[in-house]
Structure formats: C-alpha cells, structure tokens
Amino acid sequence: MAKILKGEFGREKPVSSGGIEPDKPIPSYRLKLAVPFSDPLIWRTLEVPGRMTLADLHRVIQVCMGWQDEDSHQFLVGKIFYQPGFGIENYRRKPEYDEAAFELHQLEEGMQFLFSYLYDGGDGWELQIALEEILAPKGADGYPVLIDGANNCPPEEAGDIHQYQALLAALDQGGADVEHIRLDFEQTRDFNPFFCDRDGINKHLKRLNIRR
C-alpha cells in the first residue's frame, strides 16, 4: 500500500513567538490526531508539554489509539522522517533522525507545516496531527492530557483504515461476506465503534509518568 502523506496547507497557522530563546519557558501544545478516511471521523485532541520528545509522543499516541506498540513507526515532521534509532544513515546517505533526541518545541515550525504518524511500517495506519494551539507552559506537574475525542479507535489487527471501514460495513449488515477481512469477528463481538473512553485514556496517560 502506498504511503499517503497529506498536509492542511490552507489551514491558518497558530501564532508563534518565532523561536524559543534559551532562557524562555517552553510552551505546551494542543494537538489534534485524526485517522484519514475514517467515517465517522476518528479523532483525539491532546494537550502536551513542549519538552516531550517524539518518542514520548509515540507512547502517548499508542495509548490514545488503544494499540500495543507491536509494529514499527515513524513521524513525518515538515520534510523529515523521525524514527527510533541512533542517527545512522541509509543507502542514499540521507540522515535518519532519532525520535528520542528531538523535543516538540524544537520542531514547532515543522509541526505547523506537515505532521504525520505512520504505524506498521507506513503500510498500515496513518494519523494526521494538527498543531491547533500554542499554549502557556504546563509547569513541573504538566503531563499529556486527552481533552476530547470521538469514536473508538480501530483494532490494529484490522490492518488499515480501508479494512476497518469494510469491517464496520460488514458488521452493519450483520457480518455477512467478511472472509476477506483479516480481523476475527469473534474478537469484535463487544466492540463499540462509537465509544471513546476519555477517562480510561487519561488514567493510562498519567501512568506513563511523562513530565517535562
């Protein structure tokens, strides 16, 4: 499956102070995660500290999506891919960037231009991430918080959003003609596609103990 990389280039950019001076407090950010092509739209709005790394954000996304971190992933911020690693170079001699070495406030400009999260090697799930607002610093007790969201997140075993939409359509028709769908329907007997467990997600986020 080809990668689908999209940006909301017509969106008005949040007002920024222009670079972070070394002695200035680090801001927090309001981010909106959305699954492209989901219908109804699956989305989550988060407030996160700006000192959080992309590696931390990966952990937060996994909790918000209810996934188990069993596959590879990478971020696209601006025009650069970030992923777990140690700055090794690929065969084209283009540097790869270690997600654990970059904090969100260092990537503010790129986040306003193009921001995506690709899970399962880029052949499975994609999230578009929008920087909605630049906020005041959270302070020492700041940690990621889910502000709002809609609809349940797809089980990662569904494969991709197209398989998941086919799953929902088949369930709506009583489960007929589902042999081509990878997800075992017995595992989805109690699955509610319209439920977003905000309280449960926030309890899990707090247990991550990501404070910056």
N, C-alpha and C. Protein backbone atom coordinates (compact mmCIF):
# COMPACT_ATOMS: atom_id res chain seq x y z
N MET A 1 0.85 -1.19 0.00
CA MET A 1 0.00 0.00 0.00
C MET A 1 0.88 1.23 0.00
N ALA A 2 0.63 2.16 -0.87
CA ALA A 2 1.46 3.36 -0.95
C ALA A 2 1.21 4.27 0.23
N LYS A 3 2.24 4.99 0.62
CA LYS A 3 2.09 5.96 1.69
C LYS A 3 1.21 7.11 1.22
N ILE A 4 0.38 7.60 2.13
CA ILE A 4 -0.46 8.76 1.84
C ILE A 4 -0.02 9.86 2.77
N LEU A 5 0.60 10.88 2.25
CA LEU A 5 1.12 11.97 3.05
C LEU A 5 0.36 13.22 2.68
N LYS A 6 -0.32 13.79 3.66
CA LYS A 6 -1.18 14.93 3.38
C LYS A 6 -0.91 16.02 4.40
N GLY A 7 -1.09 17.24 3.98
CA GLY A 7 -0.96 18.37 4.89
C GLY A 7 -2.09 19.34 4.68
N GLU A 8 -2.47 20.02 5.74
CA GLU A 8 -3.53 21.01 5.64
C GLU A 8 -2.88 22.36 5.37
N PHE A 9 -2.44 22.54 4.13
CA PHE A 9 -1.63 23.71 3.81
C PHE A 9 -2.45 25.00 3.82
N GLY A 10 -3.77 24.88 3.69
CA GLY A 10 -4.59 26.07 3.72
C GLY A 10 -4.97 26.50 5.12
N ARG A 11 -4.64 25.66 6.12
CA ARG A 11 -5.02 25.97 7.48
C ARG A 11 -4.22 27.14 8.01
N GLU A 12 -4.89 28.04 8.70
CA GLU A 12 -4.19 29.17 9.30
C GLU A 12 -3.26 28.68 10.39
N LYS A 13 -2.02 29.11 10.35
CA LYS A 13 -1.02 28.65 11.31
C LYS A 13 -1.24 29.31 12.67
N PRO A 14 -0.99 28.56 13.76
CA PRO A 14 -1.06 29.18 15.08
C PRO A 14 -0.03 30.30 15.20
N VAL A 15 -0.38 31.28 16.00
CA VAL A 15 0.53 32.40 16.20
C VAL A 15 1.69 31.94 17.08
N SER A 16 2.89 32.12 16.61
CA SER A 16 4.07 31.69 17.34
C SER A 16 4.96 32.90 17.63
N SER A 17 5.73 32.78 18.68
CA SER A 17 6.63 33.87 19.04
C SER A 17 7.87 33.88 18.17
N GLY A 18 8.02 32.91 17.31
CA GLY A 18 9.13 32.77 16.38
C GLY A 18 10.27 31.99 16.93
N GLY A 19 10.85 31.37 17.43
CA GLY A 19 11.90 30.65 18.04
C GLY A 19 11.87 30.75 19.53
N ILE A 20 12.37 29.76 20.20
CA ILE A 20 12.38 29.71 21.66
C ILE A 20 13.76 30.11 22.14
N GLU A 21 13.81 31.20 22.88
CA GLU A 21 15.10 31.63 23.44
C GLU A 21 15.49 30.70 24.58
N PRO A 22 16.80 30.52 24.79
CA PRO A 22 17.26 29.55 25.78
C PRO A 22 16.70 29.77 27.18
N ASP A 23 16.48 31.04 27.57
CA ASP A 23 16.03 31.32 28.92
C ASP A 23 14.52 31.49 29.02
N LYS A 24 13.79 31.26 27.95
CA LYS A 24 12.34 31.42 27.97
C LYS A 24 11.66 30.11 28.32
N PRO A 25 10.51 30.17 28.99
CA PRO A 25 9.77 28.94 29.31
C PRO A 25 9.35 28.22 28.03
N ILE A 26 9.33 26.91 28.09
CA ILE A 26 8.94 26.09 26.94
C ILE A 26 7.41 25.98 26.91
N PRO A 27 6.78 26.27 25.78
CA PRO A 27 5.31 26.23 25.72
C PRO A 27 4.78 24.80 25.71
N SER A 28 3.49 24.69 25.87
CA SER A 28 2.78 23.43 25.65
C SER A 28 2.02 23.55 24.34
N TYR A 29 1.46 22.43 23.89
CA TYR A 29 0.79 22.42 22.60
C TYR A 29 -0.53 21.66 22.68
N ARG A 30 -1.49 22.15 21.92
CA ARG A 30 -2.73 21.40 21.71
C ARG A 30 -2.65 20.76 20.34
N LEU A 31 -2.72 19.43 20.33
CA LEU A 31 -2.60 18.66 19.09
C LEU A 31 -3.91 17.92 18.83
N LYS A 32 -4.27 17.83 17.56
CA LYS A 32 -5.43 17.02 17.17
C LYS A 32 -4.95 15.88 16.29
N LEU A 33 -5.22 14.66 16.73
CA LEU A 33 -4.92 13.46 15.97
C LEU A 33 -6.17 13.03 15.22
N ALA A 34 -6.03 12.67 13.96
CA ALA A 34 -7.18 12.20 13.19
C ALA A 34 -6.75 11.09 12.25
N VAL A 35 -7.64 10.12 12.05
CA VAL A 35 -7.38 9.00 11.14
C VAL A 35 -7.97 9.35 9.78
N PRO A 36 -7.15 9.61 8.76
CA PRO A 36 -7.68 9.95 7.44
C PRO A 36 -8.58 8.85 6.89
N PHE A 37 -9.64 9.26 6.21
CA PHE A 37 -10.59 8.37 5.54
C PHE A 37 -11.50 7.63 6.51
N SER A 38 -11.41 7.90 7.82
CA SER A 38 -12.35 7.27 8.74
C SER A 38 -13.70 7.98 8.64
N ASP A 39 -14.77 7.20 8.70
CA ASP A 39 -16.13 7.75 8.56
C ASP A 39 -17.07 6.92 9.42
N PRO A 40 -17.51 7.50 10.56
CA PRO A 40 -17.28 8.87 11.03
C PRO A 40 -15.83 9.08 11.46
N LEU A 41 -15.41 10.34 11.48
CA LEU A 41 -14.01 10.66 11.74
C LEU A 41 -13.60 10.23 13.15
N ILE A 42 -12.46 9.53 13.21
CA ILE A 42 -11.85 9.15 14.48
C ILE A 42 -10.82 10.21 14.83
N TRP A 43 -10.99 10.87 15.98
CA TRP A 43 -10.06 11.95 16.31
C TRP A 43 -9.88 12.04 17.82
N ARG A 44 -8.74 12.64 18.21
CA ARG A 44 -8.40 12.90 19.61
C ARG A 44 -7.72 14.26 19.71
N THR A 45 -8.09 15.05 20.71
CA THR A 45 -7.42 16.32 20.97
C THR A 45 -6.65 16.21 22.28
N LEU A 46 -5.35 16.53 22.23
CA LEU A 46 -4.45 16.39 23.37
C LEU A 46 -3.81 17.71 23.72
N GLU A 47 -3.46 17.87 24.99
CA GLU A 47 -2.55 18.94 25.39
C GLU A 47 -1.30 18.27 25.94
N VAL A 48 -0.15 18.68 25.40
CA VAL A 48 1.11 18.01 25.73
C VAL A 48 2.18 19.05 26.04
N PRO A 49 3.11 18.74 26.94
CA PRO A 49 4.22 19.66 27.22
C PRO A 49 5.20 19.72 26.05
N GLY A 50 5.73 20.91 25.80
CA GLY A 50 6.64 21.10 24.68
C GLY A 50 7.97 20.41 24.84
N ARG A 51 8.36 20.05 26.05
CA ARG A 51 9.63 19.34 26.27
C ARG A 51 9.49 17.84 26.04
N MET A 52 8.30 17.39 25.72
CA MET A 52 8.11 15.98 25.43
C MET A 52 8.78 15.63 24.10
N THR A 53 9.47 14.50 24.04
CA THR A 53 10.13 14.10 22.80
C THR A 53 9.13 13.40 21.87
N LEU A 54 9.54 13.23 20.62
CA LEU A 54 8.72 12.45 19.70
C LEU A 54 8.57 11.01 20.17
N ALA A 55 9.60 10.48 20.82
CA ALA A 55 9.49 9.13 21.37
C ALA A 55 8.41 9.07 22.44
N ASP A 56 8.32 10.12 23.27
CA ASP A 56 7.24 10.21 24.25
C ASP A 56 5.88 10.31 23.55
N LEU A 57 5.81 11.12 22.51
CA LEU A 57 4.56 11.29 21.78
C LEU A 57 4.10 9.96 21.18
N HIS A 58 5.04 9.16 20.72
CA HIS A 58 4.70 7.83 20.22
C HIS A 58 3.99 7.01 21.29
N ARG A 59 4.50 7.03 22.50
CA ARG A 59 3.87 6.30 23.61
C ARG A 59 2.47 6.83 23.88
N VAL A 60 2.32 8.15 23.83
CA VAL A 60 1.02 8.78 24.07
C VAL A 60 0.02 8.37 22.98
N ILE A 61 0.45 8.39 21.73
CA ILE A 61 -0.42 8.01 20.62
C ILE A 61 -0.89 6.57 20.78
N GLN A 62 0.02 5.68 21.15
CA GLN A 62 -0.35 4.28 21.32
C GLN A 62 -1.46 4.12 22.36
N VAL A 63 -1.36 4.88 23.45
CA VAL A 63 -2.39 4.83 24.49
C VAL A 63 -3.71 5.38 23.94
N CYS A 64 -3.65 6.51 23.26
CA CYS A 64 -4.88 7.13 22.76
C CYS A 64 -5.58 6.27 21.72
N MET A 65 -4.80 5.46 20.99
CA MET A 65 -5.38 4.61 19.97
C MET A 65 -5.72 3.21 20.49
N GLY A 66 -5.28 2.90 21.71
CA GLY A 66 -5.54 1.57 22.25
C GLY A 66 -4.72 0.49 21.58
N TRP A 67 -3.58 0.87 21.01
CA TRP A 67 -2.71 -0.10 20.33
C TRP A 67 -1.64 -0.62 21.29
N GLN A 68 -0.91 -1.64 20.85
CA GLN A 68 0.01 -2.36 21.73
C GLN A 68 1.48 -2.18 21.36
N ASP A 69 1.79 -1.27 20.48
CA ASP A 69 3.18 -0.97 20.10
C ASP A 69 3.90 -2.22 19.60
N GLU A 70 3.24 -2.97 18.72
CA GLU A 70 3.81 -4.22 18.22
C GLU A 70 4.44 -4.07 16.84
N ASP A 71 4.34 -2.90 16.22
CA ASP A 71 4.86 -2.72 14.86
C ASP A 71 5.77 -1.50 14.82
N SER A 72 6.45 -1.34 13.69
CA SER A 72 7.35 -0.20 13.51
C SER A 72 6.54 1.08 13.30
N HIS A 73 7.19 2.22 13.48
CA HIS A 73 6.52 3.50 13.32
C HIS A 73 7.54 4.56 12.94
N GLN A 74 7.04 5.68 12.45
CA GLN A 74 7.87 6.85 12.20
C GLN A 74 6.99 8.09 12.14
N PHE A 75 7.61 9.23 12.39
CA PHE A 75 6.95 10.52 12.27
C PHE A 75 7.47 11.24 11.03
N LEU A 76 6.60 11.98 10.38
CA LEU A 76 7.00 12.93 9.35
C LEU A 76 6.67 14.32 9.88
N VAL A 77 7.71 15.12 10.13
CA VAL A 77 7.54 16.47 10.65
C VAL A 77 8.22 17.42 9.67
N GLY A 78 7.43 18.31 9.06
CA GLY A 78 7.98 19.12 7.99
C GLY A 78 8.32 18.21 6.82
N LYS A 79 9.60 18.13 6.48
CA LYS A 79 10.04 17.27 5.38
C LYS A 79 10.97 16.16 5.87
N ILE A 80 11.01 15.92 7.18
CA ILE A 80 11.97 14.98 7.76
C ILE A 80 11.25 13.84 8.45
N PHE A 81 11.73 12.61 8.22
CA PHE A 81 11.23 11.44 8.92
C PHE A 81 12.05 11.22 10.19
N TYR A 82 11.36 10.98 11.30
CA TYR A 82 11.98 10.66 12.58
C TYR A 82 11.49 9.28 13.00
N GLN A 83 12.41 8.49 13.57
CA GLN A 83 12.06 7.14 13.98
C GLN A 83 13.04 6.68 15.04
N PRO A 84 12.77 5.55 15.70
CA PRO A 84 13.74 5.05 16.68
C PRO A 84 15.07 4.74 15.99
N GLY A 85 16.16 5.12 16.60
CA GLY A 85 17.47 4.86 16.01
C GLY A 85 18.52 5.76 16.61
N PHE A 86 19.68 5.73 16.03
CA PHE A 86 20.82 6.44 16.60
C PHE A 86 21.57 7.25 15.55
N GLY A 87 20.81 7.86 14.61
CA GLY A 87 21.44 8.73 13.64
C GLY A 87 22.18 8.02 12.54
N ILE A 88 21.87 6.73 12.32
CA ILE A 88 22.54 6.01 11.24
C ILE A 88 22.08 6.57 9.90
N GLU A 89 22.83 6.28 8.85
CA GLU A 89 22.48 6.76 7.53
C GLU A 89 22.05 5.59 6.65
N ASN A 90 21.09 5.87 5.77
CA ASN A 90 20.62 4.82 4.89
C ASN A 90 21.46 4.79 3.61
N TYR A 91 21.05 3.91 2.68
CA TYR A 91 21.89 3.68 1.50
C TYR A 91 21.98 4.91 0.60
N ARG A 92 21.06 5.85 0.72
CA ARG A 92 21.12 7.08 -0.07
C ARG A 92 21.92 8.18 0.63
N ARG A 93 22.48 7.84 1.75
CA ARG A 93 23.30 8.78 2.53
C ARG A 93 22.50 9.97 3.03
N LYS A 94 21.21 9.76 3.23
CA LYS A 94 20.39 10.79 3.85
C LYS A 94 20.24 10.44 5.32
N PRO A 95 20.51 11.38 6.22
CA PRO A 95 20.49 11.05 7.64
C PRO A 95 19.08 10.73 8.13
N GLU A 96 19.00 9.74 9.02
CA GLU A 96 17.76 9.46 9.72
C GLU A 96 17.85 10.11 11.10
N TYR A 97 16.72 10.53 11.63
CA TYR A 97 16.71 11.30 12.86
C TYR A 97 16.06 10.49 13.97
N ASP A 98 16.76 10.40 15.09
CA ASP A 98 16.29 9.63 16.24
C ASP A 98 15.19 10.41 16.94
N GLU A 99 14.00 9.81 17.04
CA GLU A 99 12.86 10.49 17.64
C GLU A 99 13.09 10.83 19.11
N ALA A 100 13.95 10.08 19.80
CA ALA A 100 14.20 10.34 21.21
C ALA A 100 15.08 11.57 21.44
N ALA A 101 15.69 12.09 20.38
CA ALA A 101 16.62 13.21 20.51
C ALA A 101 15.97 14.56 20.21
N PHE A 102 14.69 14.57 19.87
CA PHE A 102 14.04 15.82 19.46
C PHE A 102 12.80 16.07 20.31
N GLU A 103 12.78 17.23 20.97
CA GLU A 103 11.62 17.65 21.74
C GLU A 103 10.66 18.45 20.85
N LEU A 104 9.39 18.44 21.21
CA LEU A 104 8.37 19.06 20.36
C LEU A 104 8.64 20.53 20.09
N HIS A 105 9.10 21.27 21.10
CA HIS A 105 9.31 22.70 20.90
C HIS A 105 10.40 22.97 19.87
N GLN A 106 11.30 22.02 19.65
CA GLN A 106 12.34 22.18 18.64
C GLN A 106 11.80 21.99 17.23
N LEU A 107 10.60 21.43 17.12
CA LEU A 107 10.02 21.08 15.83
C LEU A 107 8.77 21.90 15.52
N GLU A 108 8.60 23.00 16.23
CA GLU A 108 7.36 23.77 16.14
C GLU A 108 7.05 24.20 14.71
N GLU A 109 8.03 24.71 14.01
CA GLU A 109 7.80 25.18 12.64
C GLU A 109 7.38 24.02 11.74
N GLY A 110 8.06 22.90 11.84
CA GLY A 110 7.72 21.74 11.02
C GLY A 110 6.34 21.19 11.36
N MET A 111 5.96 21.23 12.64
CA MET A 111 4.66 20.73 13.05
C MET A 111 3.53 21.54 12.42
N GLN A 112 3.76 22.82 12.20
CA GLN A 112 2.75 23.67 11.60
C GLN A 112 2.64 23.44 10.09
N PHE A 113 3.67 22.86 9.49
CA PHE A 113 3.69 22.65 8.04
C PHE A 113 3.12 21.28 7.67
N LEU A 114 3.69 20.21 8.20
CA LEU A 114 3.24 18.86 7.90
C LEU A 114 3.64 17.95 9.06
N PHE A 115 2.67 17.22 9.59
CA PHE A 115 2.90 16.43 10.78
C PHE A 115 2.06 15.15 10.66
N SER A 116 2.74 14.01 10.54
CA SER A 116 2.05 12.73 10.39
C SER A 116 2.74 11.67 11.24
N TYR A 117 1.97 10.65 11.59
CA TYR A 117 2.47 9.48 12.32
C TYR A 117 2.10 8.25 11.52
N LEU A 118 3.09 7.46 11.16
CA LEU A 118 2.88 6.25 10.36
C LEU A 118 3.21 5.04 11.21
N TYR A 119 2.27 4.12 11.30
CA TYR A 119 2.42 2.94 12.16
C TYR A 119 2.30 1.68 11.32
N ASP A 120 3.06 0.67 11.66
CA ASP A 120 3.13 -0.58 10.90
C ASP A 120 3.89 -0.37 9.60
N GLY A 121 5.05 0.26 9.72
CA GLY A 121 5.94 0.42 8.58
C GLY A 121 5.44 1.35 7.51
N GLY A 122 4.44 2.17 7.82
CA GLY A 122 3.90 3.07 6.81
C GLY A 122 2.93 2.39 5.87
N ASP A 123 2.73 1.07 6.01
CA ASP A 123 1.82 0.34 5.13
C ASP A 123 0.49 0.05 5.82
N GLY A 124 0.33 0.48 7.07
CA GLY A 124 -0.88 0.19 7.82
C GLY A 124 -1.65 1.44 8.18
N TRP A 125 -1.35 2.00 9.33
CA TRP A 125 -2.13 3.11 9.87
C TRP A 125 -1.39 4.43 9.70
N GLU A 126 -2.14 5.46 9.41
CA GLU A 126 -1.60 6.81 9.35
C GLU A 126 -2.47 7.73 10.20
N LEU A 127 -1.84 8.60 10.97
CA LEU A 127 -2.53 9.65 11.70
C LEU A 127 -2.04 10.99 11.19
N GLN A 128 -2.96 11.89 10.92
CA GLN A 128 -2.60 13.28 10.68
C GLN A 128 -2.64 14.00 12.01
N ILE A 129 -1.62 14.80 12.28
CA ILE A 129 -1.53 15.53 13.54
C ILE A 129 -1.51 17.02 13.21
N ALA A 130 -2.46 17.74 13.76
CA ALA A 130 -2.53 19.19 13.54
C ALA A 130 -2.14 19.91 14.82
N LEU A 131 -1.24 20.89 14.70
CA LEU A 131 -0.92 21.76 15.82
C LEU A 131 -1.99 22.84 15.88
N GLU A 132 -2.92 22.69 16.81
CA GLU A 132 -4.07 23.59 16.87
C GLU A 132 -3.79 24.87 17.64
N GLU A 133 -2.96 24.78 18.68
CA GLU A 133 -2.74 25.97 19.51
C GLU A 133 -1.43 25.84 20.27
N ILE A 134 -0.74 26.95 20.41
CA ILE A 134 0.46 27.04 21.24
C ILE A 134 0.03 27.61 22.59
N LEU A 135 0.32 26.87 23.67
CA LEU A 135 -0.22 27.19 24.99
C LEU A 135 0.88 27.62 25.95
N ALA A 136 0.46 28.15 27.07
CA ALA A 136 1.40 28.51 28.12
C ALA A 136 2.06 27.25 28.68
N PRO A 137 3.26 27.37 29.24
CA PRO A 137 3.94 26.19 29.82
C PRO A 137 3.07 25.54 30.89
N LYS A 138 3.17 24.22 31.00
CA LYS A 138 2.38 23.46 31.95
C LYS A 138 2.98 23.46 33.36
N GLY A 139 4.26 23.75 33.47
CA GLY A 139 4.90 23.68 34.76
C GLY A 139 5.40 22.28 35.07
N ALA A 140 5.94 22.12 36.27
CA ALA A 140 6.59 20.86 36.64
C ALA A 140 5.61 19.68 36.68
N ASP A 141 4.32 19.97 36.92
CA ASP A 141 3.34 18.89 37.04
C ASP A 141 2.62 18.60 35.74
N GLY A 142 3.06 19.22 34.65
CA GLY A 142 2.38 19.01 33.38
C GLY A 142 2.63 17.63 32.81
N TYR A 143 1.60 16.99 32.31
CA TYR A 143 1.73 15.72 31.62
C TYR A 143 0.65 15.67 30.54
N PRO A 144 0.76 14.78 29.58
CA PRO A 144 -0.21 14.75 28.48
C PRO A 144 -1.63 14.49 28.98
N VAL A 145 -2.59 15.20 28.41
CA VAL A 145 -3.99 15.06 28.79
C VAL A 145 -4.84 14.98 27.53
N LEU A 146 -5.75 14.01 27.50
CA LEU A 146 -6.73 13.94 26.42
C LEU A 146 -7.87 14.89 26.75
N ILE A 147 -8.08 15.91 25.91
CA ILE A 147 -9.12 16.90 26.14
C ILE A 147 -10.46 16.42 25.61
N ASP A 148 -10.46 15.84 24.42
CA ASP A 148 -11.72 15.40 23.82
C ASP A 148 -11.40 14.40 22.71
N GLY A 149 -12.42 13.75 22.22
CA GLY A 149 -12.25 12.80 21.13
C GLY A 149 -13.58 12.23 20.71
N ALA A 150 -13.59 11.54 19.60
CA ALA A 150 -14.83 10.94 19.10
C ALA A 150 -14.51 9.61 18.43
N ASN A 151 -15.33 8.62 18.74
CA ASN A 151 -15.31 7.30 18.11
C ASN A 151 -14.14 6.45 18.60
N ASN A 152 -14.39 5.17 18.61
CA ASN A 152 -13.38 4.22 19.08
C ASN A 152 -12.28 4.08 18.03
N CYS A 153 -11.11 3.75 18.48
CA CYS A 153 -10.00 3.57 17.55
C CYS A 153 -9.99 2.14 17.04
N PRO A 154 -9.60 1.95 15.79
CA PRO A 154 -9.64 0.61 15.19
C PRO A 154 -8.66 -0.34 15.86
N PRO A 155 -9.04 -1.61 16.05
CA PRO A 155 -8.04 -2.60 16.47
C PRO A 155 -6.93 -2.64 15.44
N GLU A 156 -5.67 -2.64 15.90
CA GLU A 156 -4.57 -2.58 14.95
C GLU A 156 -4.54 -3.81 14.04
N GLU A 157 -5.15 -4.93 14.51
CA GLU A 157 -5.17 -6.14 13.69
C GLU A 157 -6.02 -5.98 12.43
N ALA A 158 -6.85 -4.92 12.37
CA ALA A 158 -7.69 -4.70 11.19
C ALA A 158 -6.84 -4.41 9.96
N GLY A 159 -5.60 -3.98 10.14
CA GLY A 159 -4.68 -3.81 9.01
C GLY A 159 -4.50 -2.38 8.58
N ASP A 160 -5.58 -1.73 8.17
CA ASP A 160 -5.52 -0.33 7.79
C ASP A 160 -6.94 0.23 7.81
N ILE A 161 -7.08 1.52 7.54
CA ILE A 161 -8.38 2.15 7.68
C ILE A 161 -9.37 1.60 6.66
N HIS A 162 -8.90 1.18 5.49
CA HIS A 162 -9.81 0.65 4.48
C HIS A 162 -10.39 -0.69 4.91
N GLN A 163 -9.54 -1.54 5.51
CA GLN A 163 -10.02 -2.80 6.06
C GLN A 163 -11.00 -2.54 7.20
N TYR A 164 -10.70 -1.54 8.02
CA TYR A 164 -11.57 -1.24 9.15
C TYR A 164 -12.93 -0.74 8.68
N GLN A 165 -12.96 0.12 7.66
CA GLN A 165 -14.25 0.61 7.15
C GLN A 165 -15.04 -0.55 6.56
N ALA A 166 -14.34 -1.51 5.91
CA ALA A 166 -15.03 -2.69 5.40
C ALA A 166 -15.60 -3.51 6.56
N LEU A 167 -14.85 -3.58 7.66
CA LEU A 167 -15.32 -4.28 8.86
C LEU A 167 -16.59 -3.65 9.38
N LEU A 168 -16.62 -2.33 9.50
CA LEU A 168 -17.81 -1.64 10.01
C LEU A 168 -19.00 -1.86 9.09
N ALA A 169 -18.76 -1.80 7.79
CA ALA A 169 -19.85 -2.02 6.83
C ALA A 169 -20.41 -3.43 6.96
N ALA A 170 -19.50 -4.43 7.13
CA ALA A 170 -19.95 -5.81 7.26
C ALA A 170 -20.72 -6.02 8.56
N LEU A 171 -20.25 -5.41 9.65
CA LEU A 171 -20.95 -5.51 10.93
C LEU A 171 -22.33 -4.88 10.83
N ASP A 172 -22.43 -3.78 10.10
CA ASP A 172 -23.71 -3.09 9.94
C ASP A 172 -24.70 -3.96 9.17
N GLN A 173 -24.18 -4.89 8.36
CA GLN A 173 -25.03 -5.79 7.58
C GLN A 173 -25.15 -7.16 8.22
N GLY A 174 -24.80 -7.23 9.49
CA GLY A 174 -24.95 -8.48 10.21
C GLY A 174 -23.78 -9.42 10.10
N GLY A 175 -22.64 -8.96 9.56
CA GLY A 175 -21.44 -9.78 9.49
C GLY A 175 -21.36 -10.65 8.26
N ALA A 176 -22.14 -10.34 7.24
CA ALA A 176 -22.11 -11.15 6.02
C ALA A 176 -20.91 -10.80 5.16
N ASP A 177 -20.40 -11.81 4.42
CA ASP A 177 -19.33 -11.61 3.43
C ASP A 177 -18.11 -10.94 4.05
N VAL A 178 -17.52 -11.58 5.07
CA VAL A 178 -16.39 -10.99 5.79
C VAL A 178 -15.12 -11.81 5.66
N GLU A 179 -15.12 -12.84 4.82
CA GLU A 179 -13.97 -13.72 4.76
C GLU A 179 -12.70 -12.99 4.35
N HIS A 180 -12.85 -11.92 3.57
CA HIS A 180 -11.66 -11.22 3.08
C HIS A 180 -11.10 -10.24 4.09
N ILE A 181 -11.76 -10.09 5.24
CA ILE A 181 -11.31 -9.15 6.26
C ILE A 181 -10.48 -9.90 7.29
N ARG A 182 -9.29 -9.38 7.58
CA ARG A 182 -8.32 -10.12 8.39
C ARG A 182 -8.75 -10.26 9.85
N LEU A 183 -9.48 -9.30 10.37
CA LEU A 183 -9.81 -9.31 11.79
C LEU A 183 -10.84 -10.40 12.10
N ASP A 184 -10.59 -11.15 13.15
CA ASP A 184 -11.51 -12.20 13.58
C ASP A 184 -12.74 -11.56 14.20
N PHE A 185 -13.91 -11.83 13.65
CA PHE A 185 -15.12 -11.18 14.13
C PHE A 185 -15.51 -11.62 15.53
N GLU A 186 -15.06 -12.80 15.94
CA GLU A 186 -15.35 -13.21 17.31
C GLU A 186 -14.69 -12.28 18.32
N GLN A 187 -13.57 -11.65 17.92
CA GLN A 187 -12.88 -10.74 18.81
C GLN A 187 -13.56 -9.38 18.88
N THR A 188 -14.50 -9.11 17.99
CA THR A 188 -15.14 -7.80 17.93
C THR A 188 -16.58 -7.83 18.43
N ARG A 189 -16.96 -8.93 19.08
CA ARG A 189 -18.36 -9.09 19.49
C ARG A 189 -18.83 -7.93 20.35
N ASP A 190 -17.98 -7.44 21.27
CA ASP A 190 -18.36 -6.36 22.17
C ASP A 190 -17.74 -5.02 21.76
N PHE A 191 -17.20 -4.95 20.56
CA PHE A 191 -16.55 -3.72 20.11
C PHE A 191 -17.59 -2.66 19.74
N ASN A 192 -17.46 -1.48 20.34
CA ASN A 192 -18.37 -0.36 20.06
C ASN A 192 -17.59 0.70 19.28
N PRO A 193 -17.84 0.86 17.99
CA PRO A 193 -17.04 1.79 17.19
C PRO A 193 -17.29 3.26 17.53
N PHE A 194 -18.33 3.54 18.32
CA PHE A 194 -18.67 4.93 18.61
C PHE A 194 -18.26 5.38 20.01
N PHE A 195 -17.54 4.52 20.73
CA PHE A 195 -17.17 4.81 22.11
C PHE A 195 -15.75 5.35 22.21
N CYS A 196 -15.58 6.44 22.93
CA CYS A 196 -14.25 6.98 23.23
C CYS A 196 -14.09 7.06 24.74
N ASP A 197 -13.23 6.24 25.29
CA ASP A 197 -13.05 6.15 26.74
C ASP A 197 -12.06 7.21 27.21
N ARG A 198 -12.53 8.45 27.30
CA ARG A 198 -11.64 9.54 27.66
C ARG A 198 -11.05 9.37 29.06
N ASP A 199 -11.87 8.98 30.03
CA ASP A 199 -11.38 8.82 31.40
C ASP A 199 -10.34 7.71 31.47
N GLY A 200 -10.61 6.59 30.81
CA GLY A 200 -9.66 5.49 30.83
C GLY A 200 -8.34 5.86 30.17
N ILE A 201 -8.42 6.57 29.05
CA ILE A 201 -7.20 7.01 28.36
C ILE A 201 -6.39 7.94 29.24
N ASN A 202 -7.05 8.89 29.91
CA ASN A 202 -6.31 9.83 30.75
C ASN A 202 -5.67 9.14 31.96
N LYS A 203 -6.31 8.14 32.51
CA LYS A 203 -5.69 7.39 33.60
C LYS A 203 -4.43 6.69 33.12
N HIS A 204 -4.50 6.13 31.92
CA HIS A 204 -3.33 5.44 31.37
C HIS A 204 -2.23 6.44 31.04
N LEU A 205 -2.60 7.60 30.48
CA LEU A 205 -1.60 8.63 30.17
C LEU A 205 -0.86 9.08 31.44
N LYS A 206 -1.60 9.23 32.52
CA LYS A 206 -0.97 9.66 33.77
C LYS A 206 0.01 8.61 34.27
N ARG A 207 -0.30 7.34 34.05
CA ARG A 207 0.59 6.26 34.50
C ARG A 207 1.88 6.22 33.66
N LEU A 208 1.86 6.81 32.46
CA LEU A 208 3.10 6.86 31.68
C LEU A 208 4.16 7.71 32.37
N ASN A 209 3.71 8.65 33.23
CA ASN A 209 4.62 9.49 34.01
C ASN A 209 5.54 10.31 33.11
N ILE A 210 4.99 10.84 32.02
CA ILE A 210 5.77 11.70 31.13
C ILE A 210 5.59 13.13 31.61
N ARG A 211 6.59 13.63 32.32
CA ARG A 211 6.56 15.02 32.80
C ARG A 211 7.83 15.69 32.41
N ARG A 212 7.68 16.86 31.81
CA ARG A 212 8.86 17.55 31.31
C ARG A 212 8.90 18.97 31.86
